[in-house]
Amino acid sequence: MLYRFCLCLMLSAVPVAQAYGFTFTDHTGKKLTLSDFKGKWVLVNFWATWCPPCLKEIPDLVSLYENRKKDVMVIGVAMDYRNPDVVLKHAKRLSVSYPIVLGDQELARQIGPVSMLPTTYVFDPEGKPAVYKIGIVSREALEEFMRENSKIPGSQPAGKVQQKGGR
């Protein structure tokens, strides 16, 4: 229980994303824009094939995506690669069912800084930046964050992140 609380606290304690939109093209040639997913939580996960924490979190992201397609979209952005075929083989081996984008720092700037991998940006169902996390994320922590930040009576507005110091 304490572990889950710490993960959720770490997830929600980081600054919000800076961008309000993006246009990516996935490995199949399909164009993906933030506005295409209005009404869904959108997770943009920056990862690399050589990054053990990245590979560790992918099964949780696949599980989240597969079980919540009606309200969650996951986009995996592969960074720092030499050969796209290697990226796609890793994605296949890990049973990645969400879109894979072959990215670079220029593409990442549409969302915000990606100084370390993995980095995950989360947008709320209205398309507003909610939070980002540098480091590994879990399905459990993501679902808890989404539940706590959903627009239901008595909850805080989606996208609002408590800042340290009570502001």
N, C-alpha and C. Protein backbone atom coordinates (compact mmCIF):
# COMPACT_ATOMS: atom_id res chain seq x y z
N MET A 1 0.83 -1.19 0.00
CA MET A 1 0.00 0.00 0.00
C MET A 1 0.88 1.25 0.00
N LEU A 2 1.88 1.28 0.86
CA LEU A 2 2.79 2.43 0.91
C LEU A 2 3.52 2.59 -0.42
N TYR A 3 3.91 1.46 -1.04
CA TYR A 3 4.59 1.48 -2.33
C TYR A 3 3.71 2.15 -3.38
N ARG A 4 2.43 1.75 -3.41
CA ARG A 4 1.49 2.31 -4.38
C ARG A 4 1.31 3.81 -4.14
N PHE A 5 1.20 4.21 -2.89
CA PHE A 5 1.06 5.62 -2.55
C PHE A 5 2.28 6.40 -3.03
N CYS A 6 3.47 5.87 -2.81
CA CYS A 6 4.70 6.56 -3.23
C CYS A 6 4.76 6.69 -4.74
N LEU A 7 4.37 5.62 -5.46
CA LEU A 7 4.38 5.69 -6.92
C LEU A 7 3.43 6.76 -7.42
N CYS A 8 2.24 6.79 -6.83
CA CYS A 8 1.26 7.78 -7.26
C CYS A 8 1.73 9.18 -6.92
N LEU A 9 2.30 9.35 -5.76
CA LEU A 9 2.82 10.65 -5.34
C LEU A 9 3.92 11.10 -6.30
N MET A 10 4.82 10.17 -6.67
CA MET A 10 5.89 10.52 -7.61
C MET A 10 5.31 10.92 -8.95
N LEU A 11 4.28 10.20 -9.40
CA LEU A 11 3.68 10.49 -10.68
C LEU A 11 3.04 11.87 -10.68
N SER A 12 2.33 12.21 -9.63
CA SER A 12 1.59 13.46 -9.63
C SER A 12 2.41 14.65 -9.16
N ALA A 13 3.60 14.44 -8.66
CA ALA A 13 4.39 15.53 -8.11
C ALA A 13 5.26 16.24 -9.14
N VAL A 14 5.34 15.70 -10.35
CA VAL A 14 6.19 16.33 -11.36
C VAL A 14 5.43 17.42 -12.10
N PRO A 15 6.12 18.38 -12.71
CA PRO A 15 5.46 19.47 -13.41
C PRO A 15 4.61 18.98 -14.59
N VAL A 16 3.63 19.79 -14.97
CA VAL A 16 2.79 19.43 -16.11
C VAL A 16 3.52 19.64 -17.42
N ALA A 17 3.06 18.96 -18.44
CA ALA A 17 3.62 19.09 -19.78
C ALA A 17 3.40 20.51 -20.31
N GLN A 18 4.21 20.90 -21.27
CA GLN A 18 4.15 22.26 -21.78
C GLN A 18 3.34 22.36 -23.08
N ALA A 19 3.24 21.30 -23.84
CA ALA A 19 2.59 21.36 -25.15
C ALA A 19 1.11 21.06 -25.04
N TYR A 20 0.33 21.58 -25.99
CA TYR A 20 -1.09 21.29 -26.04
C TYR A 20 -1.47 20.51 -27.28
N GLY A 21 -0.52 20.01 -28.01
CA GLY A 21 -0.83 19.22 -29.17
C GLY A 21 0.41 18.62 -29.78
N PHE A 22 0.19 17.70 -30.68
CA PHE A 22 1.30 17.09 -31.41
C PHE A 22 0.75 16.48 -32.68
N THR A 23 1.63 16.25 -33.62
CA THR A 23 1.32 15.49 -34.82
C THR A 23 2.48 14.53 -35.03
N PHE A 24 2.19 13.25 -34.93
CA PHE A 24 3.17 12.20 -35.14
C PHE A 24 2.70 11.34 -36.30
N THR A 25 3.62 10.59 -36.88
CA THR A 25 3.29 9.56 -37.85
C THR A 25 3.83 8.26 -37.30
N ASP A 26 2.96 7.26 -37.14
CA ASP A 26 3.43 6.00 -36.58
C ASP A 26 4.17 5.18 -37.64
N HIS A 27 4.69 4.03 -37.24
CA HIS A 27 5.53 3.22 -38.13
C HIS A 27 4.77 2.67 -39.33
N THR A 28 3.43 2.71 -39.29
CA THR A 28 2.63 2.23 -40.43
C THR A 28 2.26 3.36 -41.38
N GLY A 29 2.62 4.61 -41.01
CA GLY A 29 2.30 5.76 -41.84
C GLY A 29 1.04 6.50 -41.41
N LYS A 30 0.40 6.03 -40.34
CA LYS A 30 -0.83 6.67 -39.85
C LYS A 30 -0.48 7.93 -39.05
N LYS A 31 -1.19 9.02 -39.36
CA LYS A 31 -0.99 10.29 -38.66
C LYS A 31 -1.75 10.25 -37.33
N LEU A 32 -1.09 10.68 -36.25
CA LEU A 32 -1.68 10.71 -34.92
C LEU A 32 -1.60 12.14 -34.39
N THR A 33 -2.73 12.71 -34.00
CA THR A 33 -2.73 14.04 -33.38
C THR A 33 -3.46 13.94 -32.05
N LEU A 34 -3.11 14.81 -31.13
CA LEU A 34 -3.75 14.81 -29.82
C LEU A 34 -5.25 14.99 -29.95
N SER A 35 -5.68 15.86 -30.86
CA SER A 35 -7.11 16.12 -31.01
C SER A 35 -7.89 14.89 -31.50
N ASP A 36 -7.21 13.92 -32.11
CA ASP A 36 -7.87 12.69 -32.55
C ASP A 36 -8.41 11.88 -31.37
N PHE A 37 -7.88 12.12 -30.19
CA PHE A 37 -8.19 11.29 -29.04
C PHE A 37 -8.97 12.03 -27.96
N LYS A 38 -9.66 13.10 -28.36
CA LYS A 38 -10.49 13.86 -27.42
C LYS A 38 -11.44 12.91 -26.71
N GLY A 39 -11.54 13.04 -25.39
CA GLY A 39 -12.39 12.16 -24.60
C GLY A 39 -11.64 10.99 -24.00
N LYS A 40 -10.36 10.85 -24.34
CA LYS A 40 -9.53 9.77 -23.79
C LYS A 40 -8.32 10.36 -23.07
N TRP A 41 -7.83 9.64 -22.09
CA TRP A 41 -6.53 9.94 -21.53
C TRP A 41 -5.51 9.52 -22.57
N VAL A 42 -4.51 10.35 -22.82
CA VAL A 42 -3.48 10.04 -23.81
C VAL A 42 -2.13 9.99 -23.11
N LEU A 43 -1.45 8.87 -23.24
CA LEU A 43 -0.11 8.70 -22.67
C LEU A 43 0.88 8.62 -23.81
N VAL A 44 1.87 9.48 -23.79
CA VAL A 44 2.95 9.44 -24.78
C VAL A 44 4.20 9.00 -24.03
N ASN A 45 4.65 7.80 -24.36
CA ASN A 45 5.76 7.17 -23.65
C ASN A 45 7.00 7.15 -24.52
N PHE A 46 8.04 7.87 -24.09
CA PHE A 46 9.32 7.90 -24.80
C PHE A 46 10.20 6.80 -24.22
N TRP A 47 10.74 5.94 -25.10
CA TRP A 47 11.48 4.77 -24.66
C TRP A 47 12.59 4.45 -25.66
N ALA A 48 13.43 3.49 -25.31
CA ALA A 48 14.49 3.02 -26.22
C ALA A 48 14.68 1.52 -26.01
N THR A 49 15.14 0.85 -27.04
CA THR A 49 15.32 -0.60 -26.98
C THR A 49 16.43 -1.01 -26.02
N TRP A 50 17.40 -0.12 -25.78
CA TRP A 50 18.54 -0.44 -24.93
C TRP A 50 18.29 -0.07 -23.45
N CYS A 51 17.11 0.42 -23.14
CA CYS A 51 16.79 0.97 -21.81
C CYS A 51 16.01 -0.05 -20.97
N PRO A 52 16.65 -0.72 -19.99
CA PRO A 52 15.95 -1.73 -19.19
C PRO A 52 14.68 -1.21 -18.49
N PRO A 53 14.68 -0.02 -17.86
CA PRO A 53 13.42 0.43 -17.26
C PRO A 53 12.31 0.65 -18.30
N CYS A 54 12.68 1.08 -19.49
CA CYS A 54 11.70 1.26 -20.57
C CYS A 54 11.04 -0.07 -20.89
N LEU A 55 11.87 -1.10 -21.07
CA LEU A 55 11.35 -2.41 -21.44
C LEU A 55 10.53 -3.02 -20.31
N LYS A 56 10.90 -2.69 -19.07
CA LYS A 56 10.17 -3.20 -17.91
C LYS A 56 8.76 -2.63 -17.83
N GLU A 57 8.57 -1.35 -18.19
CA GLU A 57 7.25 -0.73 -18.06
C GLU A 57 6.32 -1.04 -19.23
N ILE A 58 6.84 -1.47 -20.35
CA ILE A 58 6.01 -1.70 -21.53
C ILE A 58 4.88 -2.70 -21.29
N PRO A 59 5.10 -3.84 -20.60
CA PRO A 59 3.95 -4.73 -20.36
C PRO A 59 2.80 -4.05 -19.61
N ASP A 60 3.08 -3.18 -18.67
CA ASP A 60 2.03 -2.43 -17.96
C ASP A 60 1.30 -1.49 -18.92
N LEU A 61 2.04 -0.84 -19.81
CA LEU A 61 1.42 0.06 -20.78
C LEU A 61 0.54 -0.71 -21.77
N VAL A 62 1.01 -1.88 -22.20
CA VAL A 62 0.22 -2.72 -23.09
C VAL A 62 -1.06 -3.16 -22.38
N SER A 63 -0.94 -3.60 -21.14
CA SER A 63 -2.10 -4.04 -20.37
C SER A 63 -3.10 -2.91 -20.18
N LEU A 64 -2.61 -1.72 -19.84
CA LEU A 64 -3.49 -0.56 -19.67
C LEU A 64 -4.23 -0.26 -20.98
N TYR A 65 -3.49 -0.23 -22.07
CA TYR A 65 -4.07 0.07 -23.38
C TYR A 65 -5.10 -0.99 -23.78
N GLU A 66 -4.75 -2.25 -23.64
CA GLU A 66 -5.65 -3.33 -24.06
C GLU A 66 -6.94 -3.36 -23.24
N ASN A 67 -6.85 -3.04 -21.96
CA ASN A 67 -8.01 -3.13 -21.09
C ASN A 67 -8.84 -1.85 -21.01
N ARG A 68 -8.29 -0.74 -21.54
CA ARG A 68 -9.02 0.52 -21.41
C ARG A 68 -9.04 1.31 -22.71
N LYS A 69 -9.13 0.62 -23.83
CA LYS A 69 -9.12 1.29 -25.14
C LYS A 69 -10.22 2.34 -25.27
N LYS A 70 -11.32 2.15 -24.56
CA LYS A 70 -12.43 3.10 -24.68
C LYS A 70 -12.10 4.46 -24.08
N ASP A 71 -11.15 4.51 -23.11
CA ASP A 71 -10.85 5.80 -22.48
C ASP A 71 -9.37 6.11 -22.33
N VAL A 72 -8.50 5.26 -22.88
CA VAL A 72 -7.05 5.48 -22.79
C VAL A 72 -6.40 5.18 -24.13
N MET A 73 -5.51 6.08 -24.55
CA MET A 73 -4.69 5.85 -25.74
C MET A 73 -3.23 5.93 -25.31
N VAL A 74 -2.44 4.98 -25.74
CA VAL A 74 -1.00 4.97 -25.47
C VAL A 74 -0.28 5.08 -26.80
N ILE A 75 0.72 5.93 -26.84
CA ILE A 75 1.57 6.07 -28.02
C ILE A 75 3.01 5.88 -27.55
N GLY A 76 3.69 4.92 -28.11
CA GLY A 76 5.09 4.68 -27.77
C GLY A 76 5.99 5.38 -28.77
N VAL A 77 6.90 6.21 -28.29
CA VAL A 77 7.83 6.92 -29.16
C VAL A 77 9.23 6.37 -28.90
N ALA A 78 9.73 5.62 -29.86
CA ALA A 78 11.08 5.03 -29.75
C ALA A 78 12.11 6.12 -30.04
N MET A 79 13.07 6.24 -29.14
CA MET A 79 14.11 7.25 -29.26
C MET A 79 15.47 6.57 -29.36
N ASP A 80 16.44 7.32 -29.86
CA ASP A 80 17.84 6.89 -29.83
C ASP A 80 18.04 5.50 -30.42
N TYR A 81 17.65 5.32 -31.65
CA TYR A 81 17.79 4.04 -32.33
C TYR A 81 18.57 4.25 -33.62
N ARG A 82 19.18 3.19 -34.09
CA ARG A 82 19.91 3.26 -35.37
C ARG A 82 19.12 2.58 -36.48
N ASN A 83 18.41 1.53 -36.11
CA ASN A 83 17.73 0.73 -37.12
C ASN A 83 16.25 0.57 -36.73
N PRO A 84 15.33 1.11 -37.52
CA PRO A 84 13.90 0.98 -37.21
C PRO A 84 13.44 -0.48 -37.08
N ASP A 85 14.07 -1.39 -37.82
CA ASP A 85 13.68 -2.80 -37.74
C ASP A 85 13.93 -3.37 -36.34
N VAL A 86 15.00 -2.92 -35.68
CA VAL A 86 15.29 -3.37 -34.32
C VAL A 86 14.19 -2.90 -33.37
N VAL A 87 13.74 -1.66 -33.53
CA VAL A 87 12.66 -1.12 -32.71
C VAL A 87 11.40 -1.96 -32.90
N LEU A 88 11.05 -2.24 -34.14
CA LEU A 88 9.83 -2.97 -34.43
C LEU A 88 9.90 -4.43 -33.97
N LYS A 89 11.09 -5.03 -34.01
CA LYS A 89 11.26 -6.39 -33.48
C LYS A 89 11.06 -6.40 -31.97
N HIS A 90 11.60 -5.40 -31.27
CA HIS A 90 11.38 -5.29 -29.82
C HIS A 90 9.90 -5.11 -29.52
N ALA A 91 9.24 -4.25 -30.27
CA ALA A 91 7.81 -4.01 -30.05
C ALA A 91 7.01 -5.30 -30.27
N LYS A 92 7.36 -6.04 -31.28
CA LYS A 92 6.65 -7.31 -31.55
C LYS A 92 6.92 -8.32 -30.43
N ARG A 93 8.17 -8.42 -30.03
CA ARG A 93 8.55 -9.37 -28.97
C ARG A 93 7.81 -9.04 -27.67
N LEU A 94 7.58 -7.76 -27.40
CA LEU A 94 6.89 -7.33 -26.17
C LEU A 94 5.37 -7.24 -26.36
N SER A 95 4.88 -7.67 -27.52
CA SER A 95 3.44 -7.67 -27.83
C SER A 95 2.83 -6.28 -27.72
N VAL A 96 3.57 -5.28 -28.18
CA VAL A 96 3.06 -3.91 -28.15
C VAL A 96 1.94 -3.78 -29.18
N SER A 97 0.76 -3.42 -28.71
CA SER A 97 -0.40 -3.30 -29.58
C SER A 97 -0.78 -1.85 -29.86
N TYR A 98 -0.18 -0.92 -29.13
CA TYR A 98 -0.46 0.50 -29.36
C TYR A 98 0.50 1.03 -30.43
N PRO A 99 0.20 2.20 -30.99
CA PRO A 99 1.05 2.75 -32.06
C PRO A 99 2.48 3.02 -31.60
N ILE A 100 3.41 2.73 -32.49
CA ILE A 100 4.83 3.01 -32.27
C ILE A 100 5.25 4.10 -33.26
N VAL A 101 5.87 5.13 -32.72
CA VAL A 101 6.39 6.24 -33.51
C VAL A 101 7.91 6.18 -33.43
N LEU A 102 8.58 6.35 -34.55
CA LEU A 102 10.04 6.42 -34.57
C LEU A 102 10.41 7.89 -34.39
N GLY A 103 10.92 8.22 -33.20
CA GLY A 103 11.09 9.62 -32.85
C GLY A 103 12.53 10.07 -32.73
N ASP A 104 12.66 11.37 -32.48
CA ASP A 104 13.94 12.00 -32.22
C ASP A 104 13.65 13.22 -31.34
N GLN A 105 14.69 13.96 -30.99
CA GLN A 105 14.51 15.11 -30.09
C GLN A 105 13.62 16.19 -30.72
N GLU A 106 13.70 16.36 -32.02
CA GLU A 106 12.86 17.37 -32.68
C GLU A 106 11.38 17.00 -32.54
N LEU A 107 11.06 15.74 -32.76
CA LEU A 107 9.69 15.28 -32.59
C LEU A 107 9.25 15.43 -31.13
N ALA A 108 10.14 15.08 -30.20
CA ALA A 108 9.82 15.15 -28.77
C ALA A 108 9.51 16.58 -28.33
N ARG A 109 10.15 17.57 -28.95
CA ARG A 109 9.92 18.97 -28.56
C ARG A 109 8.47 19.41 -28.76
N GLN A 110 7.70 18.67 -29.56
CA GLN A 110 6.27 18.97 -29.70
C GLN A 110 5.54 18.78 -28.37
N ILE A 111 6.08 17.93 -27.52
CA ILE A 111 5.46 17.60 -26.24
C ILE A 111 6.15 18.33 -25.10
N GLY A 112 7.47 18.21 -25.01
CA GLY A 112 8.23 18.80 -23.92
C GLY A 112 9.58 18.14 -23.81
N PRO A 113 10.33 18.47 -22.79
CA PRO A 113 11.68 17.91 -22.67
C PRO A 113 11.67 16.40 -22.42
N VAL A 114 12.62 15.75 -23.05
CA VAL A 114 12.86 14.32 -22.81
C VAL A 114 14.35 14.20 -22.52
N SER A 115 14.69 14.38 -21.25
CA SER A 115 16.10 14.39 -20.86
C SER A 115 16.60 13.00 -20.47
N MET A 116 15.67 12.13 -20.10
CA MET A 116 16.03 10.76 -19.72
C MET A 116 14.93 9.83 -20.22
N LEU A 117 15.28 8.57 -20.33
CA LEU A 117 14.31 7.56 -20.74
C LEU A 117 14.14 6.56 -19.61
N PRO A 118 12.94 6.07 -19.41
CA PRO A 118 11.70 6.46 -20.06
C PRO A 118 11.16 7.78 -19.51
N THR A 119 10.39 8.46 -20.34
CA THR A 119 9.63 9.65 -19.94
C THR A 119 8.23 9.48 -20.50
N THR A 120 7.23 9.73 -19.66
CA THR A 120 5.84 9.58 -20.08
C THR A 120 5.08 10.87 -19.81
N TYR A 121 4.43 11.38 -20.83
CA TYR A 121 3.54 12.54 -20.72
C TYR A 121 2.11 12.05 -20.73
N VAL A 122 1.27 12.64 -19.88
CA VAL A 122 -0.13 12.27 -19.80
C VAL A 122 -0.98 13.50 -20.09
N PHE A 123 -1.93 13.35 -21.01
CA PHE A 123 -2.89 14.39 -21.34
C PHE A 123 -4.26 13.93 -20.88
N ASP A 124 -5.05 14.85 -20.33
CA ASP A 124 -6.38 14.50 -19.84
C ASP A 124 -7.36 14.34 -21.01
N PRO A 125 -8.58 13.88 -20.74
CA PRO A 125 -9.54 13.66 -21.83
C PRO A 125 -9.93 14.92 -22.61
N GLU A 126 -9.65 16.10 -22.08
CA GLU A 126 -9.91 17.34 -22.81
C GLU A 126 -8.72 17.75 -23.67
N GLY A 127 -7.63 16.96 -23.61
CA GLY A 127 -6.44 17.26 -24.39
C GLY A 127 -5.48 18.20 -23.71
N LYS A 128 -5.68 18.43 -22.43
CA LYS A 128 -4.79 19.33 -21.68
C LYS A 128 -3.69 18.51 -21.01
N PRO A 129 -2.48 19.08 -20.95
CA PRO A 129 -1.40 18.38 -20.24
C PRO A 129 -1.79 18.16 -18.78
N ALA A 130 -1.62 16.94 -18.31
CA ALA A 130 -1.96 16.61 -16.93
C ALA A 130 -0.72 16.47 -16.08
N VAL A 131 0.26 15.70 -16.55
CA VAL A 131 1.44 15.41 -15.75
C VAL A 131 2.46 14.72 -16.65
N TYR A 132 3.72 14.77 -16.23
CA TYR A 132 4.69 13.90 -16.89
C TYR A 132 5.58 13.27 -15.84
N LYS A 133 6.15 12.14 -16.22
CA LYS A 133 6.97 11.37 -15.29
C LYS A 133 8.24 10.95 -15.98
N ILE A 134 9.37 11.29 -15.38
CA ILE A 134 10.66 10.80 -15.83
C ILE A 134 10.94 9.54 -15.02
N GLY A 135 11.18 8.44 -15.70
CA GLY A 135 11.39 7.17 -15.02
C GLY A 135 10.22 6.23 -15.26
N ILE A 136 10.33 5.07 -14.68
CA ILE A 136 9.36 4.00 -14.92
C ILE A 136 7.99 4.35 -14.34
N VAL A 137 6.95 4.00 -15.08
CA VAL A 137 5.57 4.16 -14.61
C VAL A 137 4.93 2.77 -14.54
N SER A 138 3.90 2.67 -13.72
CA SER A 138 3.17 1.40 -13.63
C SER A 138 1.71 1.63 -14.00
N ARG A 139 1.07 0.58 -14.43
CA ARG A 139 -0.36 0.66 -14.74
C ARG A 139 -1.13 1.12 -13.51
N GLU A 140 -0.79 0.54 -12.38
CA GLU A 140 -1.50 0.85 -11.13
C GLU A 140 -1.41 2.34 -10.80
N ALA A 141 -0.21 2.91 -10.89
CA ALA A 141 -0.03 4.33 -10.58
C ALA A 141 -0.75 5.21 -11.60
N LEU A 142 -0.70 4.83 -12.86
CA LEU A 142 -1.39 5.60 -13.89
C LEU A 142 -2.90 5.57 -13.69
N GLU A 143 -3.44 4.39 -13.41
CA GLU A 143 -4.88 4.28 -13.20
C GLU A 143 -5.32 5.06 -11.96
N GLU A 144 -4.52 5.03 -10.92
CA GLU A 144 -4.85 5.78 -9.71
C GLU A 144 -4.83 7.28 -10.02
N PHE A 145 -3.84 7.73 -10.76
CA PHE A 145 -3.77 9.15 -11.13
C PHE A 145 -4.99 9.54 -11.96
N MET A 146 -5.35 8.72 -12.94
CA MET A 146 -6.49 9.04 -13.79
C MET A 146 -7.79 9.04 -12.98
N ARG A 147 -7.92 8.09 -12.09
CA ARG A 147 -9.13 8.03 -11.25
C ARG A 147 -9.24 9.27 -10.37
N GLU A 148 -8.14 9.67 -9.75
CA GLU A 148 -8.14 10.82 -8.85
C GLU A 148 -8.32 12.14 -9.59
N ASN A 149 -8.01 12.16 -10.88
CA ASN A 149 -8.09 13.40 -11.65
C ASN A 149 -9.19 13.39 -12.70
N SER A 150 -10.11 12.45 -12.59
CA SER A 150 -11.26 12.42 -13.48
C SER A 150 -12.26 13.46 -13.02
N LYS A 151 -13.03 13.95 -13.97
CA LYS A 151 -14.05 14.96 -13.65
C LYS A 151 -15.30 14.27 -13.11
N ILE A 152 -15.32 14.12 -11.81
CA ILE A 152 -16.50 13.60 -11.13
C ILE A 152 -16.85 14.57 -10.02
N PRO A 153 -18.11 14.65 -9.63
CA PRO A 153 -18.48 15.62 -8.58
C PRO A 153 -17.61 15.46 -7.34
N GLY A 154 -17.11 16.60 -6.87
CA GLY A 154 -16.31 16.60 -5.66
C GLY A 154 -14.83 16.36 -5.87
N SER A 155 -14.41 16.03 -7.09
CA SER A 155 -12.98 15.81 -7.33
C SER A 155 -12.37 17.08 -7.89
N GLN A 156 -11.04 17.15 -7.84
CA GLN A 156 -10.39 18.33 -8.39
C GLN A 156 -10.42 18.26 -9.91
N PRO A 157 -10.32 19.39 -10.61
CA PRO A 157 -10.37 19.38 -12.07
C PRO A 157 -9.25 18.54 -12.68
N ALA A 158 -9.53 17.92 -13.80
CA ALA A 158 -8.51 17.15 -14.51
C ALA A 158 -7.35 18.03 -14.86
N GLY A 159 -6.15 17.50 -14.74
CA GLY A 159 -4.96 18.25 -15.12
C GLY A 159 -4.36 19.05 -13.98
N LYS A 160 -5.08 19.24 -12.90
CA LYS A 160 -4.53 20.01 -11.80
C LYS A 160 -3.56 19.14 -11.01
N VAL A 161 -2.39 19.65 -10.77
CA VAL A 161 -1.39 18.91 -10.03
C VAL A 161 -1.03 19.71 -8.80
N GLN A 162 -1.09 19.09 -7.66
CA GLN A 162 -0.73 19.75 -6.41
C GLN A 162 0.76 20.07 -6.43
N GLN A 163 1.09 21.28 -6.14
CA GLN A 163 2.49 21.68 -6.07
C GLN A 163 2.95 21.56 -4.63
N LYS A 164 4.20 21.27 -4.43
CA LYS A 164 4.75 21.18 -3.09
C LYS A 164 4.60 22.55 -2.42
N GLY A 165 4.20 22.55 -1.17
CA GLY A 165 4.03 23.80 -0.45
C GLY A 165 2.59 24.26 -0.43
N GLY A 166 1.66 23.41 -0.93
CA GLY A 166 0.24 23.69 -0.83
C GLY A 166 -0.31 24.72 -1.79
N ARG A 167 0.43 25.11 -2.84
CA ARG A 167 -0.06 26.11 -3.80
C ARG A 167 -0.98 25.49 -4.78
